[in-house]
Amino acid sequence: MNLRVRVVRCACTGGHHWYADIDDADDSQPDDPFWFVDGCPTQSRALETACAQLQLLSGEAISGRQLTRVQEAHLVHV
């Protein structure tokens, strides 16, 4: 698995903000990431937050755990 961070500036109702997500770089349809954050006030904040989460997800993948996508999370009961 080749995880990647994507950071995008959004211009939605309510002003500009930053969005970040983490997905598999080989995913042909990146519409369901493993993690996301929206509404970050700066690009730096979005990137810092995503990189911290990337470290956690990478640790899970290295330990052999299956990563859960955002849309699948409600189906998982721990």
C-alpha atoms as a PDB file:
ATOM      1  CA  MET A   1       0.000   0.000   0.000  1.00  0.00           C
ATOM      2  CA  ASN A   2       1.303   3.426  -0.945  1.00  0.00           C
ATOM      3  CA  LEU A   3      -0.436   6.045   1.221  1.00  0.00           C
ATOM      4  CA  ARG A   4      -0.415   9.696   0.196  1.00  0.00           C
ATOM      5  CA  VAL A   5      -1.561  12.996   1.647  1.00  0.00           C
ATOM      6  CA  ARG A   6      -3.545  15.435  -0.477  1.00  0.00           C
ATOM      7  CA  VAL A   7      -4.105  19.041   0.620  1.00  0.00           C
ATOM      8  CA  VAL A   8      -6.575  21.253  -1.263  1.00  0.00           C
ATOM      9  CA  ARG A   9      -7.711  24.845  -0.831  1.00  0.00           C
ATOM     10  CA  CYS A  10     -11.491  25.116  -0.904  1.00  0.00           C
ATOM     11  CA  ALA A  11     -13.517  28.185  -1.748  1.00  0.00           C
ATOM     12  CA  CYS A  12     -16.942  27.294  -0.435  1.00  0.00           C
ATOM     13  CA  THR A  13     -19.722  29.279   1.131  1.00  0.00           C
ATOM     14  CA  GLY A  14     -18.296  30.750   4.292  1.00  0.00           C
ATOM     15  CA  GLY A  15     -14.872  31.587   2.908  1.00  0.00           C
ATOM     16  CA  HIS A  16     -11.650  29.859   2.018  1.00  0.00           C
ATOM     17  CA  HIS A  17     -10.347  26.932   4.030  1.00  0.00           C
ATOM     18  CA  TRP A  18      -8.106  23.891   3.596  1.00  0.00           C
ATOM     19  CA  TYR A  19      -9.034  20.216   3.242  1.00  0.00           C
ATOM     20  CA  ALA A  20      -6.673  17.233   3.568  1.00  0.00           C
ATOM     21  CA  ASP A  21      -7.125  13.517   3.088  1.00  0.00           C
ATOM     22  CA  ILE A  22      -5.110  10.308   3.108  1.00  0.00           C
ATOM     23  CA  ASP A  23      -5.663   7.668   0.470  1.00  0.00           C
ATOM     24  CA  ASP A  24      -3.910   4.901  -1.398  1.00  0.00           C
ATOM     25  CA  ALA A  25      -1.931   6.460  -4.254  1.00  0.00           C
ATOM     26  CA  ASP A  26      -2.904   3.506  -6.464  1.00  0.00           C
ATOM     27  CA  ASP A  27      -6.655   3.975  -5.882  1.00  0.00           C
ATOM     28  CA  SER A  28      -8.261   4.680  -9.247  1.00  0.00           C
ATOM     29  CA  GLN A  29     -11.254   6.374  -7.581  1.00  0.00           C
ATOM     30  CA  PRO A  30     -10.021   8.543  -4.689  1.00  0.00           C
ATOM     31  CA  ASP A  31     -13.538   9.373  -3.497  1.00  0.00           C
ATOM     32  CA  ASP A  32     -13.373   7.369  -0.255  1.00  0.00           C
ATOM     33  CA  PRO A  33     -10.156   8.102   1.652  1.00  0.00           C
ATOM     34  CA  PHE A  34      -8.900   6.392   4.807  1.00  0.00           C
ATOM     35  CA  TRP A  35      -9.026   9.703   6.665  1.00  0.00           C
ATOM     36  CA  PHE A  36      -9.874  13.380   6.055  1.00  0.00           C
ATOM     37  CA  VAL A  37     -10.062  16.738   7.771  1.00  0.00           C
ATOM     38  CA  ASP A  38     -11.941  19.799   6.508  1.00  0.00           C
ATOM     39  CA  GLY A  39     -12.088  23.406   7.597  1.00  0.00           C
ATOM     40  CA  CYS A  40      -8.423  23.957   8.430  1.00  0.00           C
ATOM     41  CA  PRO A  41      -7.615  27.676   8.571  1.00  0.00           C
ATOM     42  CA  THR A  42      -4.168  27.334   6.936  1.00  0.00           C
ATOM     43  CA  GLN A  43      -2.361  25.034   4.548  1.00  0.00           C
ATOM     44  CA  SER A  44       0.279  24.387   7.210  1.00  0.00           C
ATOM     45  CA  ARG A  45      -2.343  23.267   9.739  1.00  0.00           C
ATOM     46  CA  ALA A  46      -3.944  20.908   7.207  1.00  0.00           C
ATOM     47  CA  LEU A  47      -0.568  19.415   6.296  1.00  0.00           C
ATOM     48  CA  GLU A  48       0.599  19.043   9.906  1.00  0.00           C
ATOM     49  CA  THR A  49      -2.649  17.357  10.898  1.00  0.00           C
ATOM     50  CA  ALA A  50      -2.561  15.009   7.910  1.00  0.00           C
ATOM     51  CA  CYS A  51       1.090  14.068   8.461  1.00  0.00           C
ATOM     52  CA  ALA A  52       0.411  13.186  12.107  1.00  0.00           C
ATOM     53  CA  GLN A  53      -2.482  10.969  11.006  1.00  0.00           C
ATOM     54  CA  LEU A  54      -0.362   9.463   8.221  1.00  0.00           C
ATOM     55  CA  GLN A  55       2.168   8.348  10.814  1.00  0.00           C
ATOM     56  CA  LEU A  56      -0.598   6.615  12.802  1.00  0.00           C
ATOM     57  CA  LEU A  57      -2.092   4.928   9.732  1.00  0.00           C
ATOM     58  CA  SER A  58       1.344   3.819   8.538  1.00  0.00           C
ATOM     59  CA  GLY A  59       1.980   2.201  11.911  1.00  0.00           C
ATOM     60  CA  GLU A  60      -1.303   0.309  11.659  1.00  0.00           C
ATOM     61  CA  ALA A  61      -0.517  -0.881   8.137  1.00  0.00           C
ATOM     62  CA  ILE A  62       2.988  -1.973   9.137  1.00  0.00           C
ATOM     63  CA  SER A  63       1.585  -3.969  12.060  1.00  0.00           C
ATOM     64  CA  GLY A  64      -0.689  -5.831   9.634  1.00  0.00           C
ATOM     65  CA  ARG A  65      -4.002  -4.192  10.463  1.00  0.00           C
ATOM     66  CA  GLN A  66      -6.508  -3.622   7.694  1.00  0.00           C
ATOM     67  CA  LEU A  67      -7.153   0.103   7.173  1.00  0.00           C
ATOM     68  CA  THR A  68     -10.795   1.191   7.077  1.00  0.00           C
ATOM     69  CA  ARG A  69     -12.065   3.764   4.602  1.00  0.00           C
ATOM     70  CA  VAL A  70     -14.234   6.655   5.815  1.00  0.00           C
ATOM     71  CA  GLN A  71     -17.440   5.359   4.210  1.00  0.00           C
ATOM     72  CA  GLU A  72     -16.854   1.871   5.653  1.00  0.00           C
ATOM     73  CA  ALA A  73     -16.198   3.107   9.213  1.00  0.00           C
ATOM     74  CA  HIS A  74     -19.871   3.023  10.225  1.00  0.00           C
ATOM     75  CA  LEU A  75     -19.987  -0.690   9.326  1.00  0.00           C
ATOM     76  CA  VAL A  76     -17.130  -1.621  11.675  1.00  0.00           C
ATOM     77  CA  HIS A  77     -18.104  -2.521  15.213  1.00  0.00           C
ATOM     78  CA  VAL A  78     -15.275  -2.893  17.708  1.00  0.00           C
END
